[in-house]
Amino acid sequence: MAAARNGTRRGPYAKSSHQRDRIIELALDYFGQQGYHGTSMREIARGTGLSQAGLLYHFPTKTDLLTAVLESRDTLPEVAARSAVERAQDPLAGMTAVIVDNASNRQLVQMFTVVSAEATDERHPAHGYFRQRSQIVIALMRAGLEQAVEQGLVRRDLNVDYAARQCQALMYGLQVQWLFDPSTDMVGLFQHLLDGFAVPTPRPPPDAKDSRRAADASGQ
């Protein structure tokens, strides 16, 4: 059946797309709870009400399914981060906006945390993806800090390479803490790190009258 005039699909095409979305959604949950290796295609098929053959029709291998999960729902870091930066007023606020976005989707954060830990093994099918993702996040953090330096928001003597890695490490570590304890203030703690990079605010010179009062109080 042809696509509808408004661009949406009807009939078997829409049904097939809906089934793929259901499979991806369930796989996101399973991978987040059990990891990639701990999840079987059989249980995902059972959870979606499909036969294993029906599941394999949409995703011939578990690697294909993992790839679809990683690339779904704008989870690619360059997409999510750039969208957050565009909504922010300055580059530092843009970096914090990435944390705000993460805090709005526990299921996604859990999946990335669990599977990325597995993917440190070079034999893992998502090893290349997560390695590239880490490099992209560091590059985006570095670019944001460099822009902040140019705008006078951050100290010019800041080592942006080190600072970008600090930002990435804190962001990932805070996600783990948040998964254990949802009361963890990821945004506030990340902002505290950024505050340490800021240009120091000069103290105003002491008022002459205040100096005299202080001297009198001390008996001088």
N, C-alpha and C. Protein backbone atom coordinates (compact mmCIF):
# COMPACT_ATOMS: atom_id res chain seq x y z
N MET A 1 0.85 -1.20 0.00
CA MET A 1 0.00 0.00 0.00
C MET A 1 0.88 1.24 0.00
N ALA A 2 0.48 2.23 -0.76
CA ALA A 2 1.28 3.45 -0.87
C ALA A 2 1.21 4.24 0.42
N ALA A 3 2.21 5.14 0.58
CA ALA A 3 2.22 6.00 1.76
C ALA A 3 1.04 6.94 1.71
N ALA A 4 0.53 7.33 2.85
CA ALA A 4 -0.56 8.28 2.91
C ALA A 4 -0.09 9.65 2.44
N ARG A 5 -1.05 10.50 2.09
CA ARG A 5 -0.71 11.82 1.56
C ARG A 5 0.06 12.67 2.56
N ASN A 6 -0.17 12.48 3.83
CA ASN A 6 0.52 13.30 4.83
C ASN A 6 1.89 12.74 5.17
N GLY A 7 2.33 11.69 4.46
CA GLY A 7 3.68 11.17 4.66
C GLY A 7 3.74 10.00 5.60
N THR A 8 2.63 9.66 6.28
CA THR A 8 2.64 8.52 7.18
C THR A 8 2.32 7.25 6.41
N ARG A 9 2.76 6.11 6.93
CA ARG A 9 2.52 4.84 6.26
C ARG A 9 1.29 4.16 6.85
N ARG A 10 0.59 3.38 6.00
CA ARG A 10 -0.57 2.65 6.44
C ARG A 10 -0.39 1.18 6.12
N GLY A 11 -1.32 0.37 6.65
CA GLY A 11 -1.33 -1.04 6.32
C GLY A 11 -0.12 -1.77 6.85
N PRO A 12 0.39 -2.75 6.10
CA PRO A 12 1.49 -3.59 6.59
C PRO A 12 2.76 -2.82 6.87
N TYR A 13 3.00 -1.73 6.15
CA TYR A 13 4.20 -0.93 6.40
C TYR A 13 4.17 -0.33 7.80
N ALA A 14 3.02 0.23 8.17
CA ALA A 14 2.90 0.83 9.50
C ALA A 14 3.00 -0.24 10.56
N LYS A 15 2.39 -1.39 10.33
CA LYS A 15 2.45 -2.48 11.31
C LYS A 15 3.88 -2.96 11.51
N SER A 16 4.61 -3.09 10.40
CA SER A 16 6.00 -3.53 10.49
C SER A 16 6.85 -2.51 11.24
N SER A 17 6.63 -1.22 10.97
CA SER A 17 7.37 -0.17 11.66
C SER A 17 7.05 -0.17 13.14
N HIS A 18 5.79 -0.40 13.47
CA HIS A 18 5.38 -0.43 14.88
C HIS A 18 6.03 -1.60 15.59
N GLN A 19 6.11 -2.75 14.92
CA GLN A 19 6.75 -3.91 15.53
C GLN A 19 8.24 -3.67 15.77
N ARG A 20 8.90 -3.03 14.82
CA ARG A 20 10.32 -2.70 15.00
C ARG A 20 10.51 -1.79 16.20
N ASP A 21 9.64 -0.79 16.32
CA ASP A 21 9.74 0.14 17.45
C ASP A 21 9.55 -0.58 18.78
N ARG A 22 8.59 -1.51 18.82
CA ARG A 22 8.34 -2.28 20.05
C ARG A 22 9.55 -3.14 20.40
N ILE A 23 10.15 -3.75 19.38
CA ILE A 23 11.32 -4.60 19.61
C ILE A 23 12.47 -3.76 20.15
N ILE A 24 12.71 -2.61 19.55
CA ILE A 24 13.80 -1.74 19.98
C ILE A 24 13.58 -1.25 21.39
N GLU A 25 12.34 -0.88 21.72
CA GLU A 25 12.01 -0.39 23.05
C GLU A 25 12.25 -1.47 24.10
N LEU A 26 11.82 -2.69 23.79
CA LEU A 26 12.02 -3.78 24.75
C LEU A 26 13.50 -4.13 24.87
N ALA A 27 14.21 -4.14 23.74
CA ALA A 27 15.64 -4.45 23.76
C ALA A 27 16.40 -3.40 24.57
N LEU A 28 16.00 -2.15 24.47
CA LEU A 28 16.62 -1.09 25.25
C LEU A 28 16.52 -1.41 26.74
N ASP A 29 15.35 -1.89 27.16
CA ASP A 29 15.14 -2.23 28.56
C ASP A 29 15.96 -3.46 28.96
N TYR A 30 15.95 -4.48 28.12
CA TYR A 30 16.69 -5.71 28.43
C TYR A 30 18.20 -5.45 28.48
N PHE A 31 18.72 -4.75 27.49
CA PHE A 31 20.16 -4.47 27.47
C PHE A 31 20.56 -3.64 28.69
N GLY A 32 19.69 -2.72 29.10
CA GLY A 32 19.98 -1.89 30.26
C GLY A 32 19.99 -2.68 31.56
N GLN A 33 19.15 -3.71 31.66
CA GLN A 33 19.06 -4.49 32.89
C GLN A 33 20.04 -5.66 32.92
N GLN A 34 20.24 -6.30 31.76
CA GLN A 34 21.01 -7.54 31.72
C GLN A 34 22.29 -7.45 30.92
N GLY A 35 22.48 -6.33 30.22
CA GLY A 35 23.63 -6.22 29.35
C GLY A 35 23.38 -6.91 28.02
N TYR A 36 24.29 -6.71 27.10
CA TYR A 36 24.17 -7.32 25.77
C TYR A 36 24.33 -8.84 25.85
N HIS A 37 25.38 -9.28 26.53
CA HIS A 37 25.66 -10.71 26.59
C HIS A 37 24.62 -11.46 27.40
N GLY A 38 24.03 -10.80 28.38
CA GLY A 38 23.06 -11.47 29.24
C GLY A 38 21.66 -11.52 28.67
N THR A 39 21.45 -10.93 27.50
CA THR A 39 20.14 -10.90 26.87
C THR A 39 20.11 -11.83 25.67
N SER A 40 19.05 -12.59 25.53
CA SER A 40 18.92 -13.49 24.39
C SER A 40 17.84 -13.00 23.44
N MET A 41 18.00 -13.33 22.19
CA MET A 41 16.98 -12.99 21.20
C MET A 41 15.68 -13.73 21.50
N ARG A 42 15.78 -14.90 22.08
CA ARG A 42 14.59 -15.68 22.41
C ARG A 42 13.69 -14.95 23.40
N GLU A 43 14.28 -14.37 24.47
CA GLU A 43 13.46 -13.69 25.46
C GLU A 43 12.92 -12.37 24.92
N ILE A 44 13.65 -11.71 24.03
CA ILE A 44 13.12 -10.49 23.42
C ILE A 44 11.94 -10.83 22.53
N ALA A 45 12.05 -11.93 21.77
CA ALA A 45 10.93 -12.38 20.92
C ALA A 45 9.72 -12.69 21.79
N ARG A 46 9.96 -13.39 22.90
CA ARG A 46 8.86 -13.75 23.80
C ARG A 46 8.22 -12.50 24.39
N GLY A 47 9.03 -11.51 24.74
CA GLY A 47 8.51 -10.29 25.34
C GLY A 47 7.67 -9.47 24.38
N THR A 48 7.96 -9.55 23.10
CA THR A 48 7.21 -8.79 22.10
C THR A 48 6.07 -9.59 21.51
N GLY A 49 5.94 -10.87 21.94
CA GLY A 49 4.86 -11.69 21.41
C GLY A 49 5.12 -12.22 20.02
N LEU A 50 6.37 -12.22 19.59
CA LEU A 50 6.74 -12.72 18.27
C LEU A 50 7.40 -14.08 18.39
N SER A 51 7.37 -14.83 17.32
CA SER A 51 8.19 -16.03 17.27
C SER A 51 9.63 -15.59 17.04
N GLN A 52 10.58 -16.49 17.29
CA GLN A 52 11.97 -16.11 17.06
C GLN A 52 12.19 -15.80 15.58
N ALA A 53 11.50 -16.54 14.72
CA ALA A 53 11.60 -16.28 13.28
C ALA A 53 11.06 -14.89 12.94
N GLY A 54 9.97 -14.50 13.64
CA GLY A 54 9.41 -13.17 13.41
C GLY A 54 10.36 -12.08 13.84
N LEU A 55 11.06 -12.29 14.94
CA LEU A 55 12.05 -11.31 15.40
C LEU A 55 13.21 -11.22 14.42
N LEU A 56 13.67 -12.38 13.96
CA LEU A 56 14.82 -12.41 13.03
C LEU A 56 14.47 -11.80 11.67
N TYR A 57 13.19 -11.75 11.36
CA TYR A 57 12.76 -11.08 10.12
C TYR A 57 13.13 -9.60 10.18
N HIS A 58 12.95 -8.99 11.36
CA HIS A 58 13.26 -7.57 11.53
C HIS A 58 14.75 -7.35 11.81
N PHE A 59 15.33 -8.23 12.64
CA PHE A 59 16.73 -8.08 13.04
C PHE A 59 17.40 -9.45 12.95
N PRO A 60 18.10 -9.72 11.85
CA PRO A 60 18.68 -11.05 11.61
C PRO A 60 19.65 -11.51 12.70
N THR A 61 20.32 -10.57 13.37
CA THR A 61 21.26 -10.93 14.43
C THR A 61 21.07 -10.02 15.62
N LYS A 62 21.58 -10.44 16.77
CA LYS A 62 21.52 -9.61 17.97
C LYS A 62 22.36 -8.35 17.79
N THR A 63 23.43 -8.45 17.02
CA THR A 63 24.25 -7.26 16.74
C THR A 63 23.45 -6.23 15.96
N ASP A 64 22.64 -6.70 14.99
CA ASP A 64 21.78 -5.78 14.24
C ASP A 64 20.81 -5.07 15.17
N LEU A 65 20.27 -5.82 16.12
CA LEU A 65 19.32 -5.22 17.07
C LEU A 65 20.02 -4.21 17.97
N LEU A 66 21.22 -4.54 18.46
CA LEU A 66 21.97 -3.61 19.30
C LEU A 66 22.26 -2.31 18.53
N THR A 67 22.66 -2.45 17.28
CA THR A 67 22.94 -1.27 16.45
C THR A 67 21.71 -0.39 16.33
N ALA A 68 20.55 -1.01 16.11
CA ALA A 68 19.31 -0.25 15.98
C ALA A 68 18.97 0.47 17.28
N VAL A 69 19.20 -0.20 18.41
CA VAL A 69 18.93 0.43 19.72
C VAL A 69 19.84 1.64 19.93
N LEU A 70 21.12 1.48 19.62
CA LEU A 70 22.08 2.56 19.83
C LEU A 70 21.78 3.77 18.95
N GLU A 71 21.25 3.51 17.77
CA GLU A 71 21.02 4.59 16.82
C GLU A 71 19.60 5.14 16.88
N SER A 72 18.77 4.61 17.76
CA SER A 72 17.38 5.04 17.83
C SER A 72 17.21 6.25 18.73
N ARG A 73 16.10 6.92 18.55
CA ARG A 73 15.65 7.99 19.46
C ARG A 73 16.70 9.08 19.66
N ASP A 74 17.44 9.40 18.61
CA ASP A 74 18.44 10.47 18.68
C ASP A 74 19.44 10.22 19.80
N THR A 75 19.84 8.97 20.00
CA THR A 75 20.78 8.67 21.07
C THR A 75 22.22 8.92 20.66
N LEU A 76 22.48 9.14 19.38
CA LEU A 76 23.85 9.43 18.98
C LEU A 76 24.29 10.71 19.67
N PRO A 77 25.45 10.72 20.30
CA PRO A 77 25.83 11.84 21.17
C PRO A 77 25.94 13.16 20.45
N GLU A 78 26.41 13.15 19.19
CA GLU A 78 26.55 14.43 18.49
C GLU A 78 25.20 15.06 18.22
N VAL A 79 24.16 14.24 18.02
CA VAL A 79 22.81 14.76 17.79
C VAL A 79 22.25 15.35 19.08
N ALA A 80 22.30 14.57 20.15
CA ALA A 80 21.73 15.01 21.43
C ALA A 80 22.48 16.22 21.98
N ALA A 81 23.80 16.18 21.93
CA ALA A 81 24.59 17.26 22.51
C ALA A 81 24.43 18.55 21.72
N ARG A 82 24.48 18.47 20.42
CA ARG A 82 24.34 19.69 19.62
C ARG A 82 22.95 20.29 19.78
N SER A 83 21.95 19.44 19.91
CA SER A 83 20.60 19.94 20.15
C SER A 83 20.54 20.68 21.48
N ALA A 84 21.20 20.14 22.50
CA ALA A 84 21.20 20.78 23.82
C ALA A 84 21.93 22.11 23.77
N VAL A 85 23.06 22.15 23.06
CA VAL A 85 23.85 23.37 22.97
C VAL A 85 23.06 24.46 22.25
N GLU A 86 22.33 24.08 21.20
CA GLU A 86 21.56 25.05 20.44
C GLU A 86 20.47 25.70 21.29
N ARG A 87 19.96 24.98 22.27
CA ARG A 87 18.90 25.52 23.13
C ARG A 87 19.46 26.39 24.25
N ALA A 88 20.75 26.34 24.48
CA ALA A 88 21.35 27.04 25.61
C ALA A 88 21.77 28.45 25.22
N GLN A 89 22.06 29.26 26.26
CA GLN A 89 22.43 30.65 26.05
C GLN A 89 23.93 30.82 25.84
N ASP A 90 24.74 29.90 26.34
CA ASP A 90 26.18 29.99 26.17
C ASP A 90 26.75 28.57 26.17
N PRO A 91 28.01 28.39 25.77
CA PRO A 91 28.56 27.04 25.65
C PRO A 91 28.58 26.25 26.95
N LEU A 92 28.80 26.92 28.09
CA LEU A 92 28.81 26.21 29.36
C LEU A 92 27.40 25.73 29.72
N ALA A 93 26.42 26.57 29.46
CA ALA A 93 25.03 26.16 29.68
C ALA A 93 24.66 25.01 28.75
N GLY A 94 25.23 25.03 27.54
CA GLY A 94 24.98 23.94 26.60
C GLY A 94 25.51 22.62 27.10
N MET A 95 26.70 22.65 27.72
CA MET A 95 27.28 21.44 28.28
C MET A 95 26.41 20.91 29.42
N THR A 96 25.91 21.82 30.25
CA THR A 96 25.04 21.40 31.35
C THR A 96 23.72 20.87 30.82
N ALA A 97 23.26 21.41 29.69
CA ALA A 97 21.99 20.96 29.11
C ALA A 97 22.06 19.49 28.70
N VAL A 98 23.26 19.01 28.34
CA VAL A 98 23.41 17.60 28.01
C VAL A 98 23.09 16.75 29.23
N ILE A 99 23.53 17.19 30.41
CA ILE A 99 23.25 16.47 31.65
C ILE A 99 21.75 16.50 31.95
N VAL A 100 21.12 17.64 31.70
CA VAL A 100 19.68 17.76 31.92
C VAL A 100 18.93 16.77 31.04
N ASP A 101 19.34 16.66 29.77
CA ASP A 101 18.71 15.71 28.86
C ASP A 101 18.88 14.28 29.37
N ASN A 102 20.08 13.95 29.84
CA ASN A 102 20.33 12.60 30.34
C ASN A 102 19.43 12.28 31.54
N ALA A 103 19.26 13.27 32.41
CA ALA A 103 18.47 13.05 33.63
C ALA A 103 17.00 12.84 33.34
N SER A 104 16.58 13.09 32.11
CA SER A 104 15.17 12.92 31.76
C SER A 104 14.87 11.53 31.21
N ASN A 105 15.91 10.68 31.07
CA ASN A 105 15.67 9.36 30.49
C ASN A 105 16.52 8.31 31.20
N ARG A 106 16.03 7.81 32.31
CA ARG A 106 16.78 6.83 33.09
C ARG A 106 17.02 5.55 32.30
N GLN A 107 16.01 5.10 31.55
CA GLN A 107 16.14 3.85 30.81
C GLN A 107 17.29 3.91 29.82
N LEU A 108 17.42 5.03 29.14
CA LEU A 108 18.47 5.19 28.14
C LEU A 108 19.84 5.27 28.81
N VAL A 109 19.93 6.02 29.91
CA VAL A 109 21.19 6.14 30.64
C VAL A 109 21.64 4.78 31.16
N GLN A 110 20.69 4.01 31.67
CA GLN A 110 21.04 2.69 32.20
C GLN A 110 21.57 1.79 31.09
N MET A 111 20.93 1.80 29.94
CA MET A 111 21.38 0.97 28.83
C MET A 111 22.79 1.35 28.41
N PHE A 112 23.05 2.65 28.25
CA PHE A 112 24.37 3.09 27.82
C PHE A 112 25.42 2.75 28.86
N THR A 113 25.08 2.91 30.14
CA THR A 113 26.04 2.63 31.21
C THR A 113 26.42 1.15 31.23
N VAL A 114 25.43 0.28 31.16
CA VAL A 114 25.68 -1.16 31.22
C VAL A 114 26.42 -1.65 29.98
N VAL A 115 25.92 -1.29 28.81
CA VAL A 115 26.50 -1.82 27.58
C VAL A 115 27.88 -1.21 27.31
N SER A 116 28.08 0.06 27.66
CA SER A 116 29.40 0.66 27.43
C SER A 116 30.46 0.00 28.30
N ALA A 117 30.07 -0.42 29.51
CA ALA A 117 31.02 -1.14 30.37
C ALA A 117 31.41 -2.47 29.73
N GLU A 118 30.44 -3.18 29.19
CA GLU A 118 30.73 -4.42 28.48
C GLU A 118 31.63 -4.16 27.27
N ALA A 119 31.37 -3.05 26.59
CA ALA A 119 32.02 -2.77 25.32
C ALA A 119 33.48 -2.35 25.46
N THR A 120 34.00 -2.26 26.68
CA THR A 120 35.44 -2.02 26.83
C THR A 120 36.23 -3.22 26.30
N ASP A 121 35.58 -4.37 26.21
CA ASP A 121 36.19 -5.56 25.60
C ASP A 121 36.24 -5.35 24.08
N GLU A 122 37.41 -5.41 23.51
CA GLU A 122 37.57 -5.16 22.08
C GLU A 122 36.77 -6.13 21.21
N ARG A 123 36.38 -7.28 21.78
CA ARG A 123 35.63 -8.26 21.00
C ARG A 123 34.13 -7.98 21.01
N HIS A 124 33.70 -7.03 21.82
CA HIS A 124 32.27 -6.69 21.91
C HIS A 124 31.83 -6.02 20.62
N PRO A 125 30.62 -6.35 20.11
CA PRO A 125 30.17 -5.76 18.84
C PRO A 125 29.99 -4.25 18.88
N ALA A 126 29.82 -3.67 20.08
CA ALA A 126 29.64 -2.22 20.18
C ALA A 126 30.92 -1.51 20.61
N HIS A 127 32.05 -2.21 20.63
CA HIS A 127 33.30 -1.60 21.08
C HIS A 127 33.64 -0.37 20.24
N GLY A 128 33.58 -0.50 18.94
CA GLY A 128 33.92 0.62 18.05
C GLY A 128 32.97 1.79 18.23
N TYR A 129 31.70 1.48 18.41
CA TYR A 129 30.71 2.54 18.58
C TYR A 129 31.00 3.36 19.84
N PHE A 130 31.21 2.66 20.96
CA PHE A 130 31.40 3.38 22.22
C PHE A 130 32.77 4.07 22.28
N ARG A 131 33.75 3.51 21.62
CA ARG A 131 35.04 4.18 21.56
C ARG A 131 34.91 5.49 20.79
N GLN A 132 34.22 5.44 19.65
CA GLN A 132 34.00 6.66 18.87
C GLN A 132 33.12 7.64 19.65
N ARG A 133 32.12 7.12 20.35
CA ARG A 133 31.23 7.98 21.14
C ARG A 133 32.02 8.74 22.20
N SER A 134 32.93 8.06 22.87
CA SER A 134 33.76 8.71 23.88
C SER A 134 34.58 9.83 23.27
N GLN A 135 35.15 9.58 22.10
CA GLN A 135 35.96 10.60 21.42
C GLN A 135 35.11 11.79 21.01
N ILE A 136 33.89 11.52 20.57
CA ILE A 136 32.99 12.60 20.15
C ILE A 136 32.60 13.47 21.33
N VAL A 137 32.28 12.83 22.46
CA VAL A 137 31.88 13.59 23.65
C VAL A 137 33.03 14.48 24.12
N ILE A 138 34.24 13.94 24.15
CA ILE A 138 35.41 14.73 24.57
C ILE A 138 35.60 15.91 23.62
N ALA A 139 35.46 15.66 22.31
CA ALA A 139 35.64 16.72 21.32
C ALA A 139 34.59 17.82 21.49
N LEU A 140 33.35 17.43 21.77
CA LEU A 140 32.29 18.41 21.98
C LEU A 140 32.54 19.23 23.26
N MET A 141 33.00 18.56 24.31
CA MET A 141 33.32 19.27 25.55
C MET A 141 34.48 20.25 25.32
N ARG A 142 35.49 19.80 24.58
CA ARG A 142 36.64 20.67 24.30
C ARG A 142 36.19 21.89 23.50
N ALA A 143 35.36 21.66 22.49
CA ALA A 143 34.88 22.77 21.66
C ALA A 143 34.08 23.78 22.49
N GLY A 144 33.24 23.26 23.41
CA GLY A 144 32.48 24.15 24.27
C GLY A 144 33.36 24.97 25.18
N LEU A 145 34.40 24.34 25.73
CA LEU A 145 35.33 25.06 26.61
C LEU A 145 36.15 26.09 25.84
N GLU A 146 36.57 25.74 24.64
CA GLU A 146 37.33 26.69 23.82
C GLU A 146 36.48 27.91 23.49
N GLN A 147 35.21 27.67 23.19
CA GLN A 147 34.31 28.79 22.91
C GLN A 147 34.11 29.63 24.17
N ALA A 148 34.01 28.97 25.32
CA ALA A 148 33.84 29.70 26.57
C ALA A 148 35.07 30.55 26.89
N VAL A 149 36.26 30.06 26.56
CA VAL A 149 37.49 30.84 26.74
C VAL A 149 37.42 32.09 25.87
N GLU A 150 37.02 31.92 24.63
CA GLU A 150 36.95 33.07 23.70
C GLU A 150 35.94 34.10 24.18
N GLN A 151 34.88 33.66 24.84
CA GLN A 151 33.85 34.58 25.32
C GLN A 151 34.17 35.15 26.70
N GLY A 152 35.32 34.77 27.25
CA GLY A 152 35.71 35.29 28.55
C GLY A 152 34.99 34.66 29.72
N LEU A 153 34.38 33.49 29.50
CA LEU A 153 33.65 32.81 30.57
C LEU A 153 34.55 31.88 31.38
N VAL A 154 35.69 31.52 30.79
CA VAL A 154 36.59 30.54 31.39
C VAL A 154 38.01 31.11 31.36
N ARG A 155 38.81 30.73 32.34
CA ARG A 155 40.19 31.21 32.43
C ARG A 155 40.97 30.86 31.15
N ARG A 156 41.79 31.79 30.71
CA ARG A 156 42.58 31.56 29.51
C ARG A 156 43.72 30.58 29.74
N ASP A 157 44.11 30.39 30.99
CA ASP A 157 45.19 29.45 31.28
C ASP A 157 44.67 28.02 31.47
N LEU A 158 43.38 27.81 31.26
CA LEU A 158 42.80 26.48 31.44
C LEU A 158 43.31 25.52 30.37
N ASN A 159 43.74 24.35 30.78
CA ASN A 159 44.12 23.30 29.83
C ASN A 159 42.82 22.64 29.36
N VAL A 160 42.35 23.06 28.18
CA VAL A 160 41.03 22.60 27.73
C VAL A 160 41.01 21.11 27.43
N ASP A 161 42.14 20.53 27.05
CA ASP A 161 42.18 19.09 26.79
C ASP A 161 41.93 18.31 28.08
N TYR A 162 42.65 18.69 29.15
CA TYR A 162 42.44 18.04 30.44
C TYR A 162 41.03 18.30 30.96
N ALA A 163 40.59 19.54 30.83
CA ALA A 163 39.27 19.92 31.35
C ALA A 163 38.16 19.17 30.64
N ALA A 164 38.30 18.98 29.32
CA ALA A 164 37.28 18.25 28.56
C ALA A 164 37.18 16.80 29.04
N ARG A 165 38.34 16.19 29.33
CA ARG A 165 38.32 14.81 29.84
C ARG A 165 37.75 14.76 31.25
N GLN A 166 38.03 15.78 32.04
CA GLN A 166 37.42 15.85 33.38
C GLN A 166 35.89 15.92 33.27
N CYS A 167 35.42 16.72 32.33
CA CYS A 167 33.97 16.86 32.14
C CYS A 167 33.35 15.53 31.72
N GLN A 168 33.98 14.85 30.77
CA GLN A 168 33.45 13.57 30.32
C GLN A 168 33.46 12.54 31.46
N ALA A 169 34.58 12.48 32.19
CA ALA A 169 34.70 11.51 33.29
C ALA A 169 33.65 11.78 34.36
N LEU A 170 33.45 13.04 34.71
CA LEU A 170 32.46 13.37 35.73
C LEU A 170 31.05 13.05 35.23
N MET A 171 30.76 13.37 34.00
CA MET A 171 29.44 13.11 33.44
C MET A 171 29.12 11.62 33.50
N TYR A 172 30.05 10.78 33.08
CA TYR A 172 29.83 9.33 33.10
C TYR A 172 29.73 8.82 34.53
N GLY A 173 30.62 9.30 35.40
CA GLY A 173 30.60 8.85 36.78
C GLY A 173 29.32 9.26 37.51
N LEU A 174 28.84 10.47 37.25
CA LEU A 174 27.61 10.93 37.88
C LEU A 174 26.42 10.10 37.44
N GLN A 175 26.43 9.63 36.20
CA GLN A 175 25.34 8.80 35.73
C GLN A 175 25.27 7.50 36.52
N VAL A 176 26.43 6.92 36.83
CA VAL A 176 26.45 5.70 37.64
C VAL A 176 25.91 5.99 39.04
N GLN A 177 26.36 7.08 39.65
CA GLN A 177 25.88 7.45 40.98
C GLN A 177 24.37 7.68 40.96
N TRP A 178 23.89 8.33 39.90
CA TRP A 178 22.46 8.64 39.78
C TRP A 178 21.63 7.38 39.62
N LEU A 179 22.16 6.39 38.92
CA LEU A 179 21.43 5.13 38.76
C LEU A 179 21.29 4.41 40.11
N PHE A 180 22.32 4.52 40.96
CA PHE A 180 22.23 3.94 42.30
C PHE A 180 21.36 4.79 43.22
N ASP A 181 21.47 6.11 43.07
CA ASP A 181 20.77 7.02 43.97
C ASP A 181 20.16 8.16 43.15
N PRO A 182 18.88 8.07 42.79
CA PRO A 182 18.23 9.08 41.94
C PRO A 182 18.24 10.49 42.53
N SER A 183 18.54 10.62 43.82
CA SER A 183 18.58 11.95 44.42
C SER A 183 19.88 12.69 44.08
N THR A 184 20.83 12.00 43.44
CA THR A 184 22.10 12.63 43.06
C THR A 184 21.83 13.81 42.13
N ASP A 185 22.36 14.95 42.49
CA ASP A 185 22.16 16.18 41.70
C ASP A 185 23.22 16.24 40.61
N MET A 186 22.97 15.54 39.51
CA MET A 186 23.95 15.51 38.42
C MET A 186 24.23 16.89 37.87
N VAL A 187 23.20 17.68 37.68
CA VAL A 187 23.37 19.01 37.09
C VAL A 187 24.18 19.91 38.03
N GLY A 188 23.81 19.91 39.31
CA GLY A 188 24.51 20.77 40.27
C GLY A 188 25.97 20.40 40.43
N LEU A 189 26.27 19.10 40.49
CA LEU A 189 27.65 18.65 40.65
C LEU A 189 28.48 18.94 39.41
N PHE A 190 27.87 18.80 38.23
CA PHE A 190 28.59 19.11 37.00
C PHE A 190 28.83 20.62 36.91
N GLN A 191 27.84 21.40 37.32
CA GLN A 191 28.00 22.86 37.30
C GLN A 191 29.10 23.29 38.26
N HIS A 192 29.25 22.58 39.38
CA HIS A 192 30.30 22.90 40.35
C HIS A 192 31.68 22.75 39.70
N LEU A 193 31.85 21.72 38.86
CA LEU A 193 33.12 21.56 38.14
C LEU A 193 33.34 22.73 37.19
N LEU A 194 32.31 23.11 36.44
CA LEU A 194 32.44 24.22 35.49
C LEU A 194 32.74 25.52 36.22
N ASP A 195 32.16 25.70 37.39
CA ASP A 195 32.43 26.92 38.17
C ASP A 195 33.91 27.05 38.50
N GLY A 196 34.57 25.91 38.68
CA GLY A 196 36.00 25.94 38.97
C GLY A 196 36.85 26.37 37.80
N PHE A 197 36.28 26.31 36.60
CA PHE A 197 37.00 26.74 35.39
C PHE A 197 36.80 28.23 35.11
N ALA A 198 35.85 28.84 35.80
CA ALA A 198 35.44 30.21 35.47
C ALA A 198 36.51 31.23 35.81
N VAL A 199 36.41 32.38 35.16
CA VAL A 199 37.31 33.49 35.44
C VAL A 199 37.02 33.99 36.85
N PRO A 200 38.04 34.10 37.72
CA PRO A 200 37.79 34.56 39.10
C PRO A 200 37.18 35.96 39.11
N THR A 201 36.22 36.16 39.99
CA THR A 201 35.58 37.46 40.12
C THR A 201 36.44 38.35 41.02
N PRO A 202 36.93 39.49 40.51
CA PRO A 202 37.79 40.35 41.34
C PRO A 202 37.03 40.93 42.53
N ARG A 203 37.71 40.96 43.67
CA ARG A 203 37.09 41.55 44.86
C ARG A 203 37.17 43.07 44.79
N PRO A 204 36.09 43.76 45.17
CA PRO A 204 36.14 45.23 45.16
C PRO A 204 37.11 45.73 46.23
N PRO A 205 37.76 46.86 45.98
CA PRO A 205 38.70 47.41 46.98
C PRO A 205 37.94 47.75 48.25
N PRO A 206 38.58 47.59 49.42
CA PRO A 206 37.88 47.88 50.69
C PRO A 206 37.53 49.35 50.79
N ASP A 207 36.37 49.61 51.37
CA ASP A 207 35.92 50.99 51.56
C ASP A 207 36.77 51.63 52.68
N ALA A 208 37.15 52.89 52.47
CA ALA A 208 38.02 53.58 53.43
C ALA A 208 37.38 53.65 54.82
N LYS A 209 36.06 53.90 54.87
CA LYS A 209 35.38 53.98 56.15
C LYS A 209 35.39 52.63 56.86
N ASP A 210 35.18 51.56 56.09
CA ASP A 210 35.20 50.23 56.68
C ASP A 210 36.58 49.91 57.24
N SER A 211 37.63 50.37 56.55
CA SER A 211 39.00 50.12 57.02
C SER A 211 39.24 50.81 58.34
N ARG A 212 38.78 52.10 58.47
CA ARG A 212 38.95 52.83 59.71
C ARG A 212 38.19 52.16 60.86
N ARG A 213 36.95 51.69 60.57
CA ARG A 213 36.17 51.02 61.61
C ARG A 213 36.89 49.75 62.08
N ALA A 214 37.45 49.02 61.14
CA ALA A 214 38.15 47.80 61.49
C ALA A 214 39.35 48.10 62.35
N ALA A 215 40.07 49.18 62.00
CA ALA A 215 41.25 49.58 62.77
C ALA A 215 40.86 50.00 64.18
N ASP A 216 39.77 50.77 64.29
CA ASP A 216 39.31 51.22 65.62
C ASP A 216 38.89 50.02 66.47
N ALA A 217 38.24 49.06 65.84
CA ALA A 217 37.77 47.90 66.60
C ALA A 217 38.92 47.06 67.12
N SER A 218 40.03 47.09 66.38
CA SER A 218 41.17 46.30 66.80
C SER A 218 42.04 47.04 67.80
N GLY A 219 41.70 48.32 68.07
CA GLY A 219 42.45 49.11 69.05
C GLY A 219 43.67 49.77 68.49
N GLN A 220 43.81 49.80 67.16
CA GLN A 220 44.98 50.44 66.56
C GLN A 220 44.76 51.93 66.42
